[in-house]
Amino acid sequence: MDLKKKILAGAELMFLRNGFKSVTMDDIARELGMSKKTLYQFVDNKADLVGQVLQNHGEEEIAAIAAIRSHADNAIDEILAIAKYAIQFLRKMGPGLMYDLQKYYRKSWEIVNEMHEEHIYKVIKSNIEWGIADGLYRSDFNIDVIAKLYVRKSMIIVDEKLFPLTSYSREALFTEYINYHIHGIASQKGLKLLKKHEAAAK
């Protein structure tokens, strides 16, 4: 791992654990065992670091989902594997993370979130088309609308005003959300396959 990748990976872990606001450049330099002078060779300031961390995470997410899709046997296998990947990331997120990001680093958030939403929309649209072609999903709905609804509803899960972490588990929320999504579009053939997945996971 080159030094810049090490900085971005280390900073991301600290931000996920402690939030964006409370972590300082001193904290990051100390955690990574380097001087701030070295840190500033790669970033201009904390806002620049946050933006680079978000950009890097987005690129890694795109690569990870591409790998998942290349190994999936069918649309339901694919969407469940993507959900598993998302849940693993949600487990790492500390409380208040999204609030910090949207309040203190709004510009970076908007740029990366737009990229994220566009990518997820394409993935879900493609997944739906695959499922319909294989008879795992019904065909009596608007693919574009459902894909866009999926994208926007997925953001609600990390809304801590609506779903405070003191009362809700993000993992449980996302599991409910995926089940809701699949049951809303699956054919009888698809539902049977989903039950097999659920049985195998127990």
C-alpha atoms as a PDB file:
ATOM      1  CA  MET A   1       0.000   0.000   0.000  1.00  0.00           C
ATOM      2  CA  ASP A   2       1.463   3.376  -0.986  1.00  0.00           C
ATOM      3  CA  LEU A   3       1.559   6.220   1.525  1.00  0.00           C
ATOM      4  CA  LYS A   4      -1.422   8.114   0.139  1.00  0.00           C
ATOM      5  CA  LYS A   5      -3.582   4.976   0.204  1.00  0.00           C
ATOM      6  CA  LYS A   6      -2.434   4.369   3.776  1.00  0.00           C
ATOM      7  CA  ILE A   7      -3.470   7.903   4.753  1.00  0.00           C
ATOM      8  CA  LEU A   8      -6.896   7.629   3.115  1.00  0.00           C
ATOM      9  CA  ALA A   9      -7.574   4.174   4.564  1.00  0.00           C
ATOM     10  CA  GLY A  10      -6.458   5.184   8.055  1.00  0.00           C
ATOM     11  CA  ALA A  11      -8.406   8.434   7.997  1.00  0.00           C
ATOM     12  CA  GLU A  12     -11.550   6.643   6.796  1.00  0.00           C
ATOM     13  CA  LEU A  13     -11.394   4.185   9.695  1.00  0.00           C
ATOM     14  CA  MET A  14     -11.016   7.049  12.178  1.00  0.00           C
ATOM     15  CA  PHE A  15     -13.867   9.024  10.630  1.00  0.00           C
ATOM     16  CA  LEU A  16     -16.137   5.967  10.625  1.00  0.00           C
ATOM     17  CA  ARG A  17     -15.370   5.250  14.260  1.00  0.00           C
ATOM     18  CA  ASN A  18     -15.364   8.769  15.700  1.00  0.00           C
ATOM     19  CA  GLY A  19     -17.179  11.006  13.224  1.00  0.00           C
ATOM     20  CA  PHE A  20     -15.847  13.711  10.924  1.00  0.00           C
ATOM     21  CA  LYS A  21     -15.989  16.652  13.298  1.00  0.00           C
ATOM     22  CA  SER A  22     -14.111  15.277  16.306  1.00  0.00           C
ATOM     23  CA  VAL A  23     -11.143  13.786  14.431  1.00  0.00           C
ATOM     24  CA  THR A  24      -8.321  16.311  13.945  1.00  0.00           C
ATOM     25  CA  MET A  25      -5.357  16.277  11.609  1.00  0.00           C
ATOM     26  CA  ASP A  26      -3.163  15.815  14.696  1.00  0.00           C
ATOM     27  CA  ASP A  27      -5.194  12.713  15.602  1.00  0.00           C
ATOM     28  CA  ILE A  28      -4.760  11.265  12.123  1.00  0.00           C
ATOM     29  CA  ALA A  29      -1.015  11.952  11.985  1.00  0.00           C
ATOM     30  CA  ARG A  30      -0.574  10.390  15.432  1.00  0.00           C
ATOM     31  CA  GLU A  31      -2.654   7.328  14.551  1.00  0.00           C
ATOM     32  CA  LEU A  32      -0.721   6.771  11.326  1.00  0.00           C
ATOM     33  CA  GLY A  33       2.641   7.335  12.979  1.00  0.00           C
ATOM     34  CA  MET A  34       3.668  10.233  10.786  1.00  0.00           C
ATOM     35  CA  SER A  35       4.191  13.969  11.095  1.00  0.00           C
ATOM     36  CA  LYS A  36       1.580  16.502  10.014  1.00  0.00           C
ATOM     37  CA  LYS A  37       4.161  17.766   7.542  1.00  0.00           C
ATOM     38  CA  THR A  38       4.074  14.386   5.800  1.00  0.00           C
ATOM     39  CA  LEU A  39       0.274  14.372   5.915  1.00  0.00           C
ATOM     40  CA  TYR A  40       0.116  17.796   4.271  1.00  0.00           C
ATOM     41  CA  GLN A  41       2.216  16.582   1.381  1.00  0.00           C
ATOM     42  CA  PHE A  42      -0.869  14.718   0.198  1.00  0.00           C
ATOM     43  CA  VAL A  43      -3.773  16.927   1.337  1.00  0.00           C
ATOM     44  CA  ASP A  44      -4.294  20.688   1.595  1.00  0.00           C
ATOM     45  CA  ASN A  45      -6.417  20.643   4.756  1.00  0.00           C
ATOM     46  CA  LYS A  46      -8.979  18.540   6.590  1.00  0.00           C
ATOM     47  CA  ALA A  47     -11.768  19.395   4.153  1.00  0.00           C
ATOM     48  CA  ASP A  48      -9.577  18.213   1.284  1.00  0.00           C
ATOM     49  CA  LEU A  49      -8.799  15.014   3.206  1.00  0.00           C
ATOM     50  CA  VAL A  50     -12.505  14.347   3.803  1.00  0.00           C
ATOM     51  CA  GLY A  51     -13.218  14.861   0.107  1.00  0.00           C
ATOM     52  CA  GLN A  52     -10.411  12.506  -0.924  1.00  0.00           C
ATOM     53  CA  VAL A  53     -11.527   9.870   1.602  1.00  0.00           C
ATOM     54  CA  LEU A  54     -15.079  10.008   0.240  1.00  0.00           C
ATOM     55  CA  GLN A  55     -13.876   9.855  -3.364  1.00  0.00           C
ATOM     56  CA  ASN A  56     -11.601   6.906  -2.590  1.00  0.00           C
ATOM     57  CA  HIS A  57     -14.376   5.078  -0.763  1.00  0.00           C
ATOM     58  CA  GLY A  58     -16.705   5.603  -3.708  1.00  0.00           C
ATOM     59  CA  GLU A  59     -14.168   4.146  -6.125  1.00  0.00           C
ATOM     60  CA  GLU A  60     -13.563   1.154  -3.849  1.00  0.00           C
ATOM     61  CA  GLU A  61     -17.313   0.577  -3.549  1.00  0.00           C
ATOM     62  CA  ILE A  62     -17.725   0.605  -7.334  1.00  0.00           C
ATOM     63  CA  ALA A  63     -14.907  -1.959  -7.698  1.00  0.00           C
ATOM     64  CA  ALA A  64     -16.311  -4.160  -4.911  1.00  0.00           C
ATOM     65  CA  ILE A  65     -19.811  -4.209  -6.395  1.00  0.00           C
ATOM     66  CA  ALA A  66     -18.405  -4.970  -9.854  1.00  0.00           C
ATOM     67  CA  ALA A  67     -16.610  -7.975  -8.365  1.00  0.00           C
ATOM     68  CA  ILE A  68     -19.803  -9.130  -6.641  1.00  0.00           C
ATOM     69  CA  ARG A  69     -21.775  -8.848  -9.871  1.00  0.00           C
ATOM     70  CA  SER A  70     -19.184 -10.801 -11.855  1.00  0.00           C
ATOM     71  CA  HIS A  71     -19.576 -13.795  -9.510  1.00  0.00           C
ATOM     72  CA  ALA A  72     -23.373 -13.782  -9.041  1.00  0.00           C
ATOM     73  CA  ASP A  73     -25.368 -16.684 -10.468  1.00  0.00           C
ATOM     74  CA  ASN A  74     -28.636 -14.770 -10.750  1.00  0.00           C
ATOM     75  CA  ALA A  75     -30.283 -11.438  -9.867  1.00  0.00           C
ATOM     76  CA  ILE A  76     -31.391 -12.458  -6.383  1.00  0.00           C
ATOM     77  CA  ASP A  77     -27.959 -13.877  -5.572  1.00  0.00           C
ATOM     78  CA  GLU A  78     -26.494 -10.569  -6.753  1.00  0.00           C
ATOM     79  CA  ILE A  79     -28.796  -8.256  -4.773  1.00  0.00           C
ATOM     80  CA  LEU A  80     -28.316 -10.301  -1.588  1.00  0.00           C
ATOM     81  CA  ALA A  81     -24.528 -10.232  -1.988  1.00  0.00           C
ATOM     82  CA  ILE A  82     -24.622  -6.447  -2.518  1.00  0.00           C
ATOM     83  CA  ALA A  83     -26.799  -6.150   0.594  1.00  0.00           C
ATOM     84  CA  LYS A  84     -24.273  -8.197   2.592  1.00  0.00           C
ATOM     85  CA  TYR A  85     -21.497  -5.862   1.441  1.00  0.00           C
ATOM     86  CA  ALA A  86     -23.559  -2.810   2.447  1.00  0.00           C
ATOM     87  CA  ILE A  87     -24.338  -4.281   5.871  1.00  0.00           C
ATOM     88  CA  GLN A  88     -20.644  -4.925   6.527  1.00  0.00           C
ATOM     89  CA  PHE A  89     -19.955  -1.240   5.862  1.00  0.00           C
ATOM     90  CA  LEU A  90     -22.910  -0.044   7.955  1.00  0.00           C
ATOM     91  CA  ARG A  91     -21.529  -1.996  10.917  1.00  0.00           C
ATOM     92  CA  LYS A  92     -18.423   0.215  10.838  1.00  0.00           C
ATOM     93  CA  MET A  93     -20.351   3.494  10.949  1.00  0.00           C
ATOM     94  CA  GLY A  94     -20.416   5.284  14.282  1.00  0.00           C
ATOM     95  CA  PRO A  95     -23.372   7.407  15.423  1.00  0.00           C
ATOM     96  CA  GLY A  96     -23.662  10.918  14.032  1.00  0.00           C
ATOM     97  CA  LEU A  97     -21.427  10.210  11.045  1.00  0.00           C
ATOM     98  CA  MET A  98     -23.903  11.283   8.367  1.00  0.00           C
ATOM     99  CA  TYR A  99     -24.947  14.330  10.388  1.00  0.00           C
ATOM    100  CA  ASP A 100     -21.314  15.481  10.652  1.00  0.00           C
ATOM    101  CA  LEU A 101     -20.738  14.928   6.961  1.00  0.00           C
ATOM    102  CA  GLN A 102     -23.813  16.789   5.785  1.00  0.00           C
ATOM    103  CA  LYS A 103     -23.359  19.687   8.213  1.00  0.00           C
ATOM    104  CA  TYR A 104     -19.615  20.345   8.105  1.00  0.00           C
ATOM    105  CA  TYR A 105     -18.564  18.975   4.693  1.00  0.00           C
ATOM    106  CA  ARG A 106     -21.694  19.555   2.646  1.00  0.00           C
ATOM    107  CA  LYS A 107     -19.960  20.206  -0.691  1.00  0.00           C
ATOM    108  CA  SER A 108     -17.939  16.979  -0.555  1.00  0.00           C
ATOM    109  CA  TRP A 109     -21.041  15.085   0.563  1.00  0.00           C
ATOM    110  CA  GLU A 110     -23.124  16.365  -2.359  1.00  0.00           C
ATOM    111  CA  ILE A 111     -20.463  15.549  -4.971  1.00  0.00           C
ATOM    112  CA  VAL A 112     -19.837  12.008  -3.745  1.00  0.00           C
ATOM    113  CA  ASN A 113     -23.484  11.283  -2.950  1.00  0.00           C
ATOM    114  CA  GLU A 114     -24.471  12.207  -6.501  1.00  0.00           C
ATOM    115  CA  MET A 115     -21.843   9.788  -7.841  1.00  0.00           C
ATOM    116  CA  HIS A 116     -23.028   7.102  -5.414  1.00  0.00           C
ATOM    117  CA  GLU A 117     -26.694   7.493  -6.319  1.00  0.00           C
ATOM    118  CA  GLU A 118     -25.950   7.386 -10.056  1.00  0.00           C
ATOM    119  CA  HIS A 119     -23.897   4.220  -9.657  1.00  0.00           C
ATOM    120  CA  ILE A 120     -26.412   2.426  -7.425  1.00  0.00           C
ATOM    121  CA  TYR A 121     -29.251   3.375  -9.766  1.00  0.00           C
ATOM    122  CA  LYS A 122     -27.429   1.718 -12.692  1.00  0.00           C
ATOM    123  CA  VAL A 123     -26.646  -1.385 -10.615  1.00  0.00           C
ATOM    124  CA  ILE A 124     -30.222  -1.820  -9.397  1.00  0.00           C
ATOM    125  CA  LYS A 125     -31.726  -1.108 -12.825  1.00  0.00           C
ATOM    126  CA  SER A 126     -29.442  -3.738 -14.359  1.00  0.00           C
ATOM    127  CA  ASN A 127     -30.289  -6.177 -11.551  1.00  0.00           C
ATOM    128  CA  ILE A 128     -34.013  -5.721 -12.143  1.00  0.00           C
ATOM    129  CA  GLU A 129     -33.635  -6.235 -15.894  1.00  0.00           C
ATOM    130  CA  TRP A 130     -31.640  -9.428 -15.274  1.00  0.00           C
ATOM    131  CA  GLY A 131     -34.220 -10.717 -12.806  1.00  0.00           C
ATOM    132  CA  ILE A 132     -37.088 -10.055 -15.205  1.00  0.00           C
ATOM    133  CA  ALA A 133     -35.255 -11.788 -18.070  1.00  0.00           C
ATOM    134  CA  ASP A 134     -34.750 -14.885 -15.876  1.00  0.00           C
ATOM    135  CA  GLY A 135     -38.319 -14.857 -14.563  1.00  0.00           C
ATOM    136  CA  LEU A 136     -37.219 -14.159 -10.972  1.00  0.00           C
ATOM    137  CA  TYR A 137     -38.867 -10.728 -10.959  1.00  0.00           C
ATOM    138  CA  ARG A 138     -42.262  -9.728 -12.287  1.00  0.00           C
ATOM    139  CA  SER A 139     -42.463  -7.441 -15.309  1.00  0.00           C
ATOM    140  CA  ASP A 140     -45.590  -5.477 -14.371  1.00  0.00           C
ATOM    141  CA  PHE A 141     -43.849  -2.394 -12.966  1.00  0.00           C
ATOM    142  CA  ASN A 142     -41.764   0.573 -14.126  1.00  0.00           C
ATOM    143  CA  ILE A 143     -38.079  -0.386 -13.818  1.00  0.00           C
ATOM    144  CA  ASP A 144     -36.850   3.213 -13.770  1.00  0.00           C
ATOM    145  CA  VAL A 145     -39.221   4.194 -10.956  1.00  0.00           C
ATOM    146  CA  ILE A 146     -38.383   1.181  -8.787  1.00  0.00           C
ATOM    147  CA  ALA A 147     -34.626   1.679  -9.253  1.00  0.00           C
ATOM    148  CA  LYS A 148     -34.910   5.342  -8.242  1.00  0.00           C
ATOM    149  CA  LEU A 149     -37.078   4.471  -5.254  1.00  0.00           C
ATOM    150  CA  TYR A 150     -34.483   1.924  -4.163  1.00  0.00           C
ATOM    151  CA  VAL A 151     -31.727   4.554  -4.246  1.00  0.00           C
ATOM    152  CA  ARG A 152     -33.615   7.166  -2.254  1.00  0.00           C
ATOM    153  CA  LYS A 153     -35.068   4.743   0.282  1.00  0.00           C
ATOM    154  CA  SER A 154     -31.625   3.312   0.999  1.00  0.00           C
ATOM    155  CA  MET A 155     -30.549   6.731   2.302  1.00  0.00           C
ATOM    156  CA  ILE A 156     -33.397   6.776   4.820  1.00  0.00           C
ATOM    157  CA  ILE A 157     -31.755   3.903   6.709  1.00  0.00           C
ATOM    158  CA  VAL A 158     -28.886   6.131   7.881  1.00  0.00           C
ATOM    159  CA  ASP A 159     -31.248   8.957   8.915  1.00  0.00           C
ATOM    160  CA  GLU A 160     -30.714   8.908  12.676  1.00  0.00           C
ATOM    161  CA  LYS A 161     -33.646  11.249  13.315  1.00  0.00           C
ATOM    162  CA  LEU A 162     -36.034   8.736  11.790  1.00  0.00           C
ATOM    163  CA  PHE A 163     -34.164   5.642  12.977  1.00  0.00           C
ATOM    164  CA  PRO A 164     -32.110   6.516  16.089  1.00  0.00           C
ATOM    165  CA  LEU A 165     -29.370   3.994  16.794  1.00  0.00           C
ATOM    166  CA  THR A 166     -30.592   3.701  20.388  1.00  0.00           C
ATOM    167  CA  SER A 167     -33.726   2.021  19.051  1.00  0.00           C
ATOM    168  CA  TYR A 168     -32.745   0.520  15.704  1.00  0.00           C
ATOM    169  CA  SER A 169     -29.892  -1.571  14.353  1.00  0.00           C
ATOM    170  CA  ARG A 170     -28.662  -0.454  10.922  1.00  0.00           C
ATOM    171  CA  GLU A 171     -28.058  -4.090  10.032  1.00  0.00           C
ATOM    172  CA  ALA A 172     -31.643  -5.024  10.922  1.00  0.00           C
ATOM    173  CA  LEU A 173     -32.973  -1.988   9.053  1.00  0.00           C
ATOM    174  CA  PHE A 174     -31.092  -2.838   5.860  1.00  0.00           C
ATOM    175  CA  THR A 175     -32.148  -6.489   6.083  1.00  0.00           C
ATOM    176  CA  GLU A 176     -35.794  -5.411   6.363  1.00  0.00           C
ATOM    177  CA  TYR A 177     -35.301  -3.002   3.475  1.00  0.00           C
ATOM    178  CA  ILE A 178     -33.824  -5.645   1.149  1.00  0.00           C
ATOM    179  CA  ASN A 179     -36.602  -8.108   2.019  1.00  0.00           C
ATOM    180  CA  TYR A 180     -39.159  -5.368   1.355  1.00  0.00           C
ATOM    181  CA  HIS A 181     -37.569  -4.579  -2.010  1.00  0.00           C
ATOM    182  CA  ILE A 182     -37.315  -8.189  -3.205  1.00  0.00           C
ATOM    183  CA  HIS A 183     -40.811  -9.133  -2.047  1.00  0.00           C
ATOM    184  CA  GLY A 184     -42.140  -6.089  -3.887  1.00  0.00           C
ATOM    185  CA  ILE A 185     -40.811  -7.198  -7.286  1.00  0.00           C
ATOM    186  CA  ALA A 186     -40.178 -10.959  -7.106  1.00  0.00           C
ATOM    187  CA  SER A 187     -42.176 -13.574  -8.983  1.00  0.00           C
ATOM    188  CA  GLN A 188     -43.197 -16.832  -7.319  1.00  0.00           C
ATOM    189  CA  LYS A 189     -40.050 -18.376  -8.799  1.00  0.00           C
ATOM    190  CA  GLY A 190     -37.976 -15.583  -7.280  1.00  0.00           C
ATOM    191  CA  LEU A 191     -39.624 -15.919  -3.866  1.00  0.00           C
ATOM    192  CA  LYS A 192     -38.832 -19.643  -3.829  1.00  0.00           C
ATOM    193  CA  LEU A 193     -35.184 -18.868  -4.545  1.00  0.00           C
ATOM    194  CA  LEU A 194     -35.166 -16.206  -1.818  1.00  0.00           C
ATOM    195  CA  LYS A 195     -36.485 -18.759   0.692  1.00  0.00           C
ATOM    196  CA  LYS A 196     -33.642 -21.110  -0.261  1.00  0.00           C
ATOM    197  CA  HIS A 197     -31.141 -18.340   0.432  1.00  0.00           C
ATOM    198  CA  GLU A 198     -32.796 -17.607   3.776  1.00  0.00           C
ATOM    199  CA  ALA A 199     -32.764 -21.285   4.747  1.00  0.00           C
ATOM    200  CA  ALA A 200     -29.096 -21.618   3.794  1.00  0.00           C
ATOM    201  CA  ALA A 201     -28.215 -18.564   5.888  1.00  0.00           C
ATOM    202  CA  LYS A 202     -29.741 -20.027   9.067  1.00  0.00           C
END
